C-alpha atoms as a PDB file:
ATOM      1  CA  MET A   1     -92.798 -60.037 -45.283  1.00  0.00           C
ATOM      2  CA  ARG A   2     -92.316 -56.319 -44.619  1.00  0.00           C
ATOM      3  CA  ALA A   3     -89.119 -55.037 -43.114  1.00  0.00           C
ATOM      4  CA  SER A   4     -89.501 -51.261 -43.388  1.00  0.00           C
ATOM      5  CA  PRO A   5     -91.058 -49.649 -40.290  1.00  0.00           C
ATOM      6  CA  ARG A   6     -93.615 -46.960 -40.997  1.00  0.00           C
ATOM      7  CA  TRP A   7     -91.731 -44.522 -38.780  1.00  0.00           C
ATOM      8  CA  TRP A   8     -93.505 -41.503 -40.193  1.00  0.00           C
ATOM      9  CA  ILE A   9     -96.900 -42.928 -39.250  1.00  0.00           C
ATOM     10  CA  LEU A  10     -95.678 -43.356 -35.680  1.00  0.00           C
ATOM     11  CA  ALA A  11     -94.338 -39.786 -35.716  1.00  0.00           C
ATOM     12  CA  VAL A  12     -97.679 -38.392 -36.906  1.00  0.00           C
ATOM     13  CA  LEU A  13     -99.601 -40.396 -34.296  1.00  0.00           C
ATOM     14  CA  LEU A  14     -97.241 -39.194 -31.574  1.00  0.00           C
ATOM     15  CA  ALA A  15     -97.630 -35.574 -32.697  1.00  0.00           C
ATOM     16  CA  ALA A  16    -101.430 -35.913 -32.727  1.00  0.00           C
ATOM     17  CA  VAL A  17    -101.410 -37.379 -29.206  1.00  0.00           C
ATOM     18  CA  LEU A  18     -99.141 -34.628 -27.869  1.00  0.00           C
ATOM     19  CA  VAL A  19    -101.253 -31.891 -29.465  1.00  0.00           C
ATOM     20  CA  ASN A  20    -104.614 -33.223 -28.295  1.00  0.00           C
ATOM     21  CA  LEU A  21    -103.649 -34.637 -24.902  1.00  0.00           C
ATOM     22  CA  PRO A  22    -103.889 -31.371 -22.877  1.00  0.00           C
ATOM     23  CA  LEU A  23    -107.368 -30.537 -24.182  1.00  0.00           C
ATOM     24  CA  ALA A  24    -108.527 -34.148 -23.844  1.00  0.00           C
ATOM     25  CA  HIS A  25    -107.233 -34.284 -20.260  1.00  0.00           C
ATOM     26  CA  SER A  26    -108.954 -30.982 -19.406  1.00  0.00           C
ATOM     27  CA  THR A  27    -112.247 -32.156 -20.936  1.00  0.00           C
ATOM     28  CA  TRP A  28    -112.101 -35.478 -19.069  1.00  0.00           C
ATOM     29  CA  THR A  29    -111.274 -33.747 -15.775  1.00  0.00           C
ATOM     30  CA  ASN A  30    -114.209 -31.354 -16.220  1.00  0.00           C
ATOM     31  CA  HIS A  31    -116.490 -34.313 -16.909  1.00  0.00           C
ATOM     32  CA  ARG A  32    -115.335 -36.068 -13.737  1.00  0.00           C
ATOM     33  CA  LEU A  33    -115.852 -32.878 -11.746  1.00  0.00           C
ATOM     34  CA  ASP A  34    -119.391 -32.631 -13.138  1.00  0.00           C
ATOM     35  CA  VAL A  35    -120.125 -36.187 -11.987  1.00  0.00           C
ATOM     36  CA  ASP A  36    -118.047 -36.728  -8.834  1.00  0.00           C
ATOM     37  CA  GLY A  37    -116.859 -33.271  -7.769  1.00  0.00           C
ATOM     38  CA  LEU A  38    -117.128 -32.082  -4.167  1.00  0.00           C
ATOM     39  CA  GLN A  39    -117.446 -28.451  -3.107  1.00  0.00           C
ATOM     40  CA  THR A  40    -115.670 -26.416  -0.474  1.00  0.00           C
ATOM     41  CA  ASN A  41    -114.836 -22.790   0.229  1.00  0.00           C
ATOM     42  CA  ALA A  42    -111.223 -21.832  -0.528  1.00  0.00           C
ATOM     43  CA  THR A  43    -109.273 -18.860   0.817  1.00  0.00           C
ATOM     44  CA  VAL A  44    -108.735 -16.021  -1.664  1.00  0.00           C
ATOM     45  CA  THR A  45    -105.331 -14.284  -1.728  1.00  0.00           C
ATOM     46  CA  ASP A  46    -105.738 -12.045  -4.780  1.00  0.00           C
ATOM     47  CA  VAL A  47    -108.404 -10.855  -7.217  1.00  0.00           C
ATOM     48  CA  ARG A  48    -107.860  -9.109 -10.527  1.00  0.00           C
ATOM     49  CA  ALA A  49    -110.119  -7.651 -13.200  1.00  0.00           C
ATOM     50  CA  ILE A  50    -108.310  -7.172 -16.492  1.00  0.00           C
ATOM     51  CA  GLU A  51    -109.955  -5.142 -19.245  1.00  0.00           C
ATOM     52  CA  LYS A  52    -108.806  -5.572 -22.816  1.00  0.00           C
ATOM     53  CA  SER A  53    -110.481  -4.603 -26.082  1.00  0.00           C
ATOM     54  CA  GLY A  54    -113.676  -3.704 -24.269  1.00  0.00           C
ATOM     55  CA  THR A  55    -113.933  -7.067 -22.487  1.00  0.00           C
ATOM     56  CA  THR A  56    -113.282  -7.626 -18.785  1.00  0.00           C
ATOM     57  CA  ARG A  57    -111.860 -10.933 -17.566  1.00  0.00           C
ATOM     58  CA  TYR A  58    -111.749 -11.888 -13.926  1.00  0.00           C
ATOM     59  CA  TYR A  59    -109.007 -13.870 -12.175  1.00  0.00           C
ATOM     60  CA  VAL A  60    -108.818 -15.157  -8.604  1.00  0.00           C
ATOM     61  CA  THR A  61    -105.798 -16.598  -6.788  1.00  0.00           C
ATOM     62  CA  TRP A  62    -106.749 -18.991  -3.989  1.00  0.00           C
ATOM     63  CA  HIS A  63    -105.730 -22.000  -1.924  1.00  0.00           C
ATOM     64  CA  PHE A  64    -107.477 -24.660   0.101  1.00  0.00           C
ATOM     65  CA  GLU A  65    -107.768 -24.235   3.858  1.00  0.00           C
ATOM     66  CA  ASP A  66    -104.392 -25.901   4.346  1.00  0.00           C
ATOM     67  CA  GLU A  67    -101.893 -23.130   3.560  1.00  0.00           C
ATOM     68  CA  ARG A  68     -99.218 -25.707   2.805  1.00  0.00           C
ATOM     69  CA  GLU A  69    -101.109 -26.660  -0.335  1.00  0.00           C
ATOM     70  CA  PRO A  70    -100.256 -24.789  -3.548  1.00  0.00           C
ATOM     71  CA  GLU A  71    -102.045 -21.684  -4.737  1.00  0.00           C
ATOM     72  CA  TYR A  72    -104.128 -21.709  -7.892  1.00  0.00           C
ATOM     73  CA  SER A  73    -104.936 -18.817 -10.221  1.00  0.00           C
ATOM     74  CA  THR A  74    -108.112 -19.302 -12.209  1.00  0.00           C
ATOM     75  CA  GLU A  75    -110.363 -17.297 -14.486  1.00  0.00           C
ATOM     76  CA  VAL A  76    -113.872 -16.973 -13.030  1.00  0.00           C
ATOM     77  CA  THR A  77    -117.191 -15.409 -13.919  1.00  0.00           C
ATOM     78  CA  ARG A  78    -118.166 -11.964 -12.709  1.00  0.00           C
ATOM     79  CA  ALA A  79    -120.272 -13.571  -9.960  1.00  0.00           C
ATOM     80  CA  GLY A  80    -117.296 -15.611  -8.773  1.00  0.00           C
ATOM     81  CA  TYR A  81    -115.114 -12.502  -8.820  1.00  0.00           C
ATOM     82  CA  GLN A  82    -117.633 -10.564  -6.750  1.00  0.00           C
ATOM     83  CA  GLN A  83    -117.889 -13.408  -4.219  1.00  0.00           C
ATOM     84  CA  ALA A  84    -114.104 -13.575  -3.886  1.00  0.00           C
ATOM     85  CA  GLN A  85    -113.768  -9.790  -3.599  1.00  0.00           C
ATOM     86  CA  SER A  86    -116.462  -9.359  -0.946  1.00  0.00           C
ATOM     87  CA  THR A  87    -115.893 -12.474   1.207  1.00  0.00           C
ATOM     88  CA  ASP A  88    -112.248 -13.467   0.580  1.00  0.00           C
ATOM     89  CA  GLU A  89    -113.610 -16.909  -0.192  1.00  0.00           C
ATOM     90  CA  LEU A  90    -114.290 -18.792  -3.397  1.00  0.00           C
ATOM     91  CA  THR A  91    -116.454 -21.850  -3.870  1.00  0.00           C
ATOM     92  CA  VAL A  92    -114.394 -24.498  -5.632  1.00  0.00           C
ATOM     93  CA  GLU A  93    -114.973 -28.047  -6.819  1.00  0.00           C
ATOM     94  CA  TYR A  94    -112.410 -30.855  -6.548  1.00  0.00           C
ATOM     95  CA  LEU A  95    -112.129 -34.605  -7.019  1.00  0.00           C
ATOM     96  CA  PRO A  96    -112.117 -36.803  -3.915  1.00  0.00           C
ATOM     97  CA  GLY A  97    -108.562 -37.933  -3.204  1.00  0.00           C
ATOM     98  CA  ASN A  98    -107.110 -35.587  -5.822  1.00  0.00           C
ATOM     99  CA  ARG A  99    -107.585 -31.938  -4.879  1.00  0.00           C
ATOM    100  CA  SER A 100    -105.154 -30.837  -7.601  1.00  0.00           C
ATOM    101  CA  ALA A 101    -107.988 -31.639 -10.046  1.00  0.00           C
ATOM    102  CA  ASN A 102    -110.138 -28.629  -9.286  1.00  0.00           C
ATOM    103  CA  ARG A 103    -111.971 -25.613 -10.647  1.00  0.00           C
ATOM    104  CA  PRO A 104    -114.023 -22.728  -9.295  1.00  0.00           C
ATOM    105  CA  ALA A 105    -117.740 -23.413  -9.136  1.00  0.00           C
ATOM    106  CA  ALA A 106    -118.110 -20.131 -11.028  1.00  0.00           C
ATOM    107  CA  HIS A 107    -115.751 -21.251 -13.776  1.00  0.00           C
ATOM    108  CA  THR A 108    -115.894 -19.843 -17.299  1.00  0.00           C
ATOM    109  CA  GLY A 109    -116.019 -23.196 -19.098  1.00  0.00           C
ATOM    110  CA  SER A 110    -113.591 -24.525 -21.678  1.00  0.00           C
ATOM    111  CA  SER A 111    -111.326 -21.918 -23.195  1.00  0.00           C
ATOM    112  CA  ALA A 112    -112.174 -21.094 -26.802  1.00  0.00           C
ATOM    113  CA  VAL A 113    -108.502 -20.256 -27.308  1.00  0.00           C
ATOM    114  CA  ALA A 114    -107.504 -23.811 -26.333  1.00  0.00           C
ATOM    115  CA  TRP A 115    -109.944 -25.250 -28.867  1.00  0.00           C
ATOM    116  CA  ILE A 116    -108.716 -22.884 -31.585  1.00  0.00           C
ATOM    117  CA  ILE A 117    -105.029 -23.637 -30.914  1.00  0.00           C
ATOM    118  CA  THR A 118    -105.685 -27.389 -30.884  1.00  0.00           C
ATOM    119  CA  GLY A 119    -107.749 -27.152 -34.068  1.00  0.00           C
ATOM    120  CA  VAL A 120    -105.033 -25.178 -35.868  1.00  0.00           C
ATOM    121  CA  ALA A 121    -102.377 -27.666 -34.726  1.00  0.00           C
ATOM    122  CA  ASP A 122    -104.503 -30.602 -35.916  1.00  0.00           C
ATOM    123  CA  ALA A 123    -104.991 -28.876 -39.271  1.00  0.00           C
ATOM    124  CA  MET A 124    -101.224 -28.418 -39.587  1.00  0.00           C
ATOM    125  CA  ILE A 125    -100.683 -32.112 -38.852  1.00  0.00           C
ATOM    126  CA  ALA A 126    -103.273 -33.002 -41.515  1.00  0.00           C
ATOM    127  CA  VAL A 127    -101.521 -30.764 -44.064  1.00  0.00           C
ATOM    128  CA  MET A 128     -98.177 -32.357 -43.150  1.00  0.00           C
ATOM    129  CA  VAL A 129     -99.627 -35.844 -43.703  1.00  0.00           C
ATOM    130  CA  ILE A 130    -101.056 -34.825 -47.091  1.00  0.00           C
ATOM    131  CA  LEU A 131     -97.704 -33.366 -48.153  1.00  0.00           C
ATOM    132  CA  MET A 132     -95.828 -36.469 -46.999  1.00  0.00           C
ATOM    133  CA  LEU A 133     -98.202 -38.732 -48.925  1.00  0.00           C
ATOM    134  CA  TRP A 134     -97.833 -36.527 -52.005  1.00  0.00           C
ATOM    135  CA  VAL A 135     -94.040 -36.619 -51.762  1.00  0.00           C
ATOM    136  CA  ARG A 136     -94.012 -40.394 -51.235  1.00  0.00           C
ATOM    137  CA  ARG A 137     -96.302 -40.875 -54.225  1.00  0.00           C
ATOM    138  CA  HIS A 138     -94.120 -38.753 -56.491  1.00  0.00           C
ATOM    139  CA  GLN A 139     -90.853 -40.239 -55.228  1.00  0.00           C
ATOM    140  CA  ARG A 140     -92.011 -43.787 -55.866  1.00  0.00           C
ATOM    141  CA  PHE A 141     -92.090 -45.623 -59.154  1.00  0.00           C
ATOM    142  CA  GLU A 142     -92.511 -49.190 -60.376  1.00  0.00           C
ATOM    143  CA  ILE A 143     -90.465 -51.339 -62.731  1.00  0.00           C
ATOM    144  CA  MET A 144     -91.019 -54.759 -64.251  1.00  0.00           C
ATOM    145  CA  ALA A 145     -87.826 -56.816 -63.987  1.00  0.00           C
ATOM    146  CA  THR A 146     -86.194 -57.907 -67.234  1.00  0.00           C
ATOM    147  CA  ALA A 147     -83.460 -59.988 -65.547  1.00  0.00           C
ATOM    148  CA  ASP A 148     -82.713 -61.776 -62.279  1.00  0.00           C
ATOM    149  CA  VAL A 149     -81.869 -59.610 -59.298  1.00  0.00           C
ATOM    150  CA  VAL A 150     -78.148 -59.657 -58.463  1.00  0.00           C
ATOM    151  CA  ARG A 151     -76.101 -58.582 -55.475  1.00  0.00           C
ATOM    152  CA  CYS A 152     -74.204 -55.296 -55.660  1.00  0.00           C
ATOM    153  CA  LYS A 153     -72.409 -52.738 -53.521  1.00  0.00           C
ATOM    154  CA  PRO A 154     -73.099 -49.060 -52.874  1.00  0.00           C
ATOM    155  CA  PRO A 155     -73.360 -46.358 -54.093  1.00  0.00           C
ATOM    156  CA  GLU A 156     -77.059 -46.232 -54.866  1.00  0.00           C
ATOM    157  CA  VAL A 157     -77.883 -45.569 -58.498  1.00  0.00           C
ATOM    158  CA  VAL A 158     -80.915 -44.928 -60.675  1.00  0.00           C
ATOM    159  CA  GLU A 159     -79.734 -44.963 -64.288  1.00  0.00           C
ATOM    160  CA  GLU A 160     -81.951 -44.539 -67.315  1.00  0.00           C
ATOM    161  CA  LEU A 161     -80.743 -46.914 -70.056  1.00  0.00           C
ATOM    162  CA  GLY A 162     -83.179 -45.745 -72.727  1.00  0.00           C
ATOM    163  CA  GLY A 163     -86.448 -47.122 -74.000  1.00  0.00           C
ATOM    164  CA  ASP A 164     -88.020 -47.057 -70.501  1.00  0.00           C
ATOM    165  CA  ILE A 165     -85.325 -49.466 -69.290  1.00  0.00           C
ATOM    166  CA  VAL A 166     -83.828 -48.473 -65.952  1.00  0.00           C
ATOM    167  CA  LEU A 167     -80.992 -49.819 -63.807  1.00  0.00           C
ATOM    168  CA  VAL A 168     -81.457 -49.540 -60.053  1.00  0.00           C
ATOM    169  CA  ARG A 169     -78.995 -50.275 -57.272  1.00  0.00           C
ATOM    170  CA  GLY A 170     -80.446 -49.910 -53.782  1.00  0.00           C
ATOM    171  CA  GLU A 171     -81.251 -51.511 -50.457  1.00  0.00           C
ATOM    172  CA  VAL A 172     -83.920 -54.211 -50.224  1.00  0.00           C
ATOM    173  CA  VAL A 173     -86.554 -53.149 -47.674  1.00  0.00           C
ATOM    174  CA  GLU A 174     -89.536 -55.359 -48.539  1.00  0.00           C
ATOM    175  CA  ILE A 175     -89.828 -58.841 -50.018  1.00  0.00           C
ATOM    176  CA  GLU A 176     -93.004 -60.599 -51.087  1.00  0.00           C
ATOM    177  CA  GLU A 177     -93.863 -63.376 -53.491  1.00  0.00           C
ATOM    178  CA  GLY A 178     -92.932 -62.088 -56.947  1.00  0.00           C
ATOM    179  CA  HIS A 179     -92.303 -58.592 -55.621  1.00  0.00           C
ATOM    180  CA  LEU A 180     -89.726 -56.530 -53.767  1.00  0.00           C
ATOM    181  CA  VAL A 181     -89.132 -52.916 -52.811  1.00  0.00           C
ATOM    182  CA  LEU A 182     -85.820 -51.066 -52.910  1.00  0.00           C
ATOM    183  CA  THR A 183     -84.878 -47.709 -51.466  1.00  0.00           C
ATOM    184  CA  CYS A 184     -82.523 -45.697 -53.594  1.00  0.00           C
ATOM    185  CA  LEU A 185     -81.501 -42.044 -53.245  1.00  0.00           C
ATOM    186  CA  GLY A 186     -84.500 -41.348 -51.033  1.00  0.00           C
ATOM    187  CA  ARG A 187     -86.935 -42.991 -53.438  1.00  0.00           C
ATOM    188  CA  ARG A 188     -88.893 -46.232 -53.172  1.00  0.00           C
ATOM    189  CA  ILE A 189     -88.845 -48.516 -56.194  1.00  0.00           C
ATOM    190  CA  ASP A 190     -91.443 -51.293 -56.509  1.00  0.00           C
ATOM    191  CA  VAL A 191     -90.124 -54.211 -58.522  1.00  0.00           C
ATOM    192  CA  ASP A 192     -92.464 -56.725 -60.173  1.00  0.00           C
ATOM    193  CA  LEU A 193     -90.241 -59.784 -60.549  1.00  0.00           C
ATOM    194  CA  GLY A 194     -92.495 -61.824 -62.800  1.00  0.00           C
ATOM    195  CA  ASP A 195     -90.605 -65.067 -63.526  1.00  0.00           C
ATOM    196  CA  TYR A 196     -87.212 -63.660 -62.531  1.00  0.00           C
ATOM    197  CA  ALA A 197     -85.412 -64.739 -59.356  1.00  0.00           C
ATOM    198  CA  ASN A 198     -84.419 -62.708 -56.316  1.00  0.00           C
ATOM    199  CA  PRO A 199     -81.662 -64.297 -54.190  1.00  0.00           C
ATOM    200  CA  ILE A 200     -81.071 -61.112 -52.156  1.00  0.00           C
ATOM    201  CA  GLY A 201     -82.296 -60.754 -48.571  1.00  0.00           C
ATOM    202  CA  HIS A 202     -83.515 -57.822 -46.518  1.00  0.00           C
ATOM    203  CA  GLN A 203     -81.244 -54.837 -45.895  1.00  0.00           C
ATOM    204  CA  GLN A 204     -78.822 -56.011 -48.580  1.00  0.00           C
ATOM    205  CA  TYR A 205     -77.918 -54.139 -51.739  1.00  0.00           C
ATOM    206  CA  ALA A 206     -79.367 -55.420 -54.973  1.00  0.00           C
ATOM    207  CA  GLU A 207     -79.181 -54.483 -58.638  1.00  0.00           C
ATOM    208  CA  VAL A 208     -82.307 -54.683 -60.757  1.00  0.00           C
ATOM    209  CA  ARG A 209     -82.817 -54.042 -64.462  1.00  0.00           C
ATOM    210  CA  GLY A 210     -86.338 -53.466 -65.603  1.00  0.00           C
ATOM    211  CA  ARG A 211     -88.858 -51.546 -67.617  1.00  0.00           C
ATOM    212  CA  ARG A 212     -90.418 -48.505 -65.954  1.00  0.00           C
ATOM    213  CA  VAL A 213     -94.179 -48.867 -65.575  1.00  0.00           C
ATOM    214  CA  LYS A 214     -96.035 -45.761 -66.666  1.00  0.00           C
ATOM    215  CA  LYS A 215     -98.976 -44.919 -64.437  1.00  0.00           C
ATOM    216  CA  ALA A 216    -102.246 -43.876 -66.029  1.00  0.00           C
ATOM    217  CA  ARG A 217    -103.074 -40.277 -65.096  1.00  0.00           C
END
């Protein structure tokens, strides 16, 4: 039976959801607009053409016919900009029953910047996971018990007794048949009990003497 929650896995999953949710929501909304979107002409309140690094980007501020509804500022194509500038109207698409899910008909498509930012964030999460796995691997070692497990009190100790024999005092976090795991000074110690007994329960401090198992490289 395992008692130690994999909190770091939950943290990574949560981070991945938070990073990808905005782009996923935008992609799903655009898909729904492609399938179910309705069109109407909105009232334009402002148009702007912004030139930077030799590229011109066009922005239109608009609202639906009901002036009590909020204004939206959206990047549009040159054709959409010209329509808005010459007619003070902009053709927009929206979802039935949810006009806050909208876009200009002359929209520019998904932002490459959004994809790049999300990709970089996902790469950082992947690097973080790799580092965490590397740290966990190098902070974990295994011993084969050479005596019964006994109860003890803090502080936590890892003491080398010589000849690959080690004394460990730490908290029991996992118990299985013939096996247990302790945490001690930020490290995880796997204990192969063999024929030795373990009378200690979860989240209690235990002392184990054993021989360190050398991993093949």
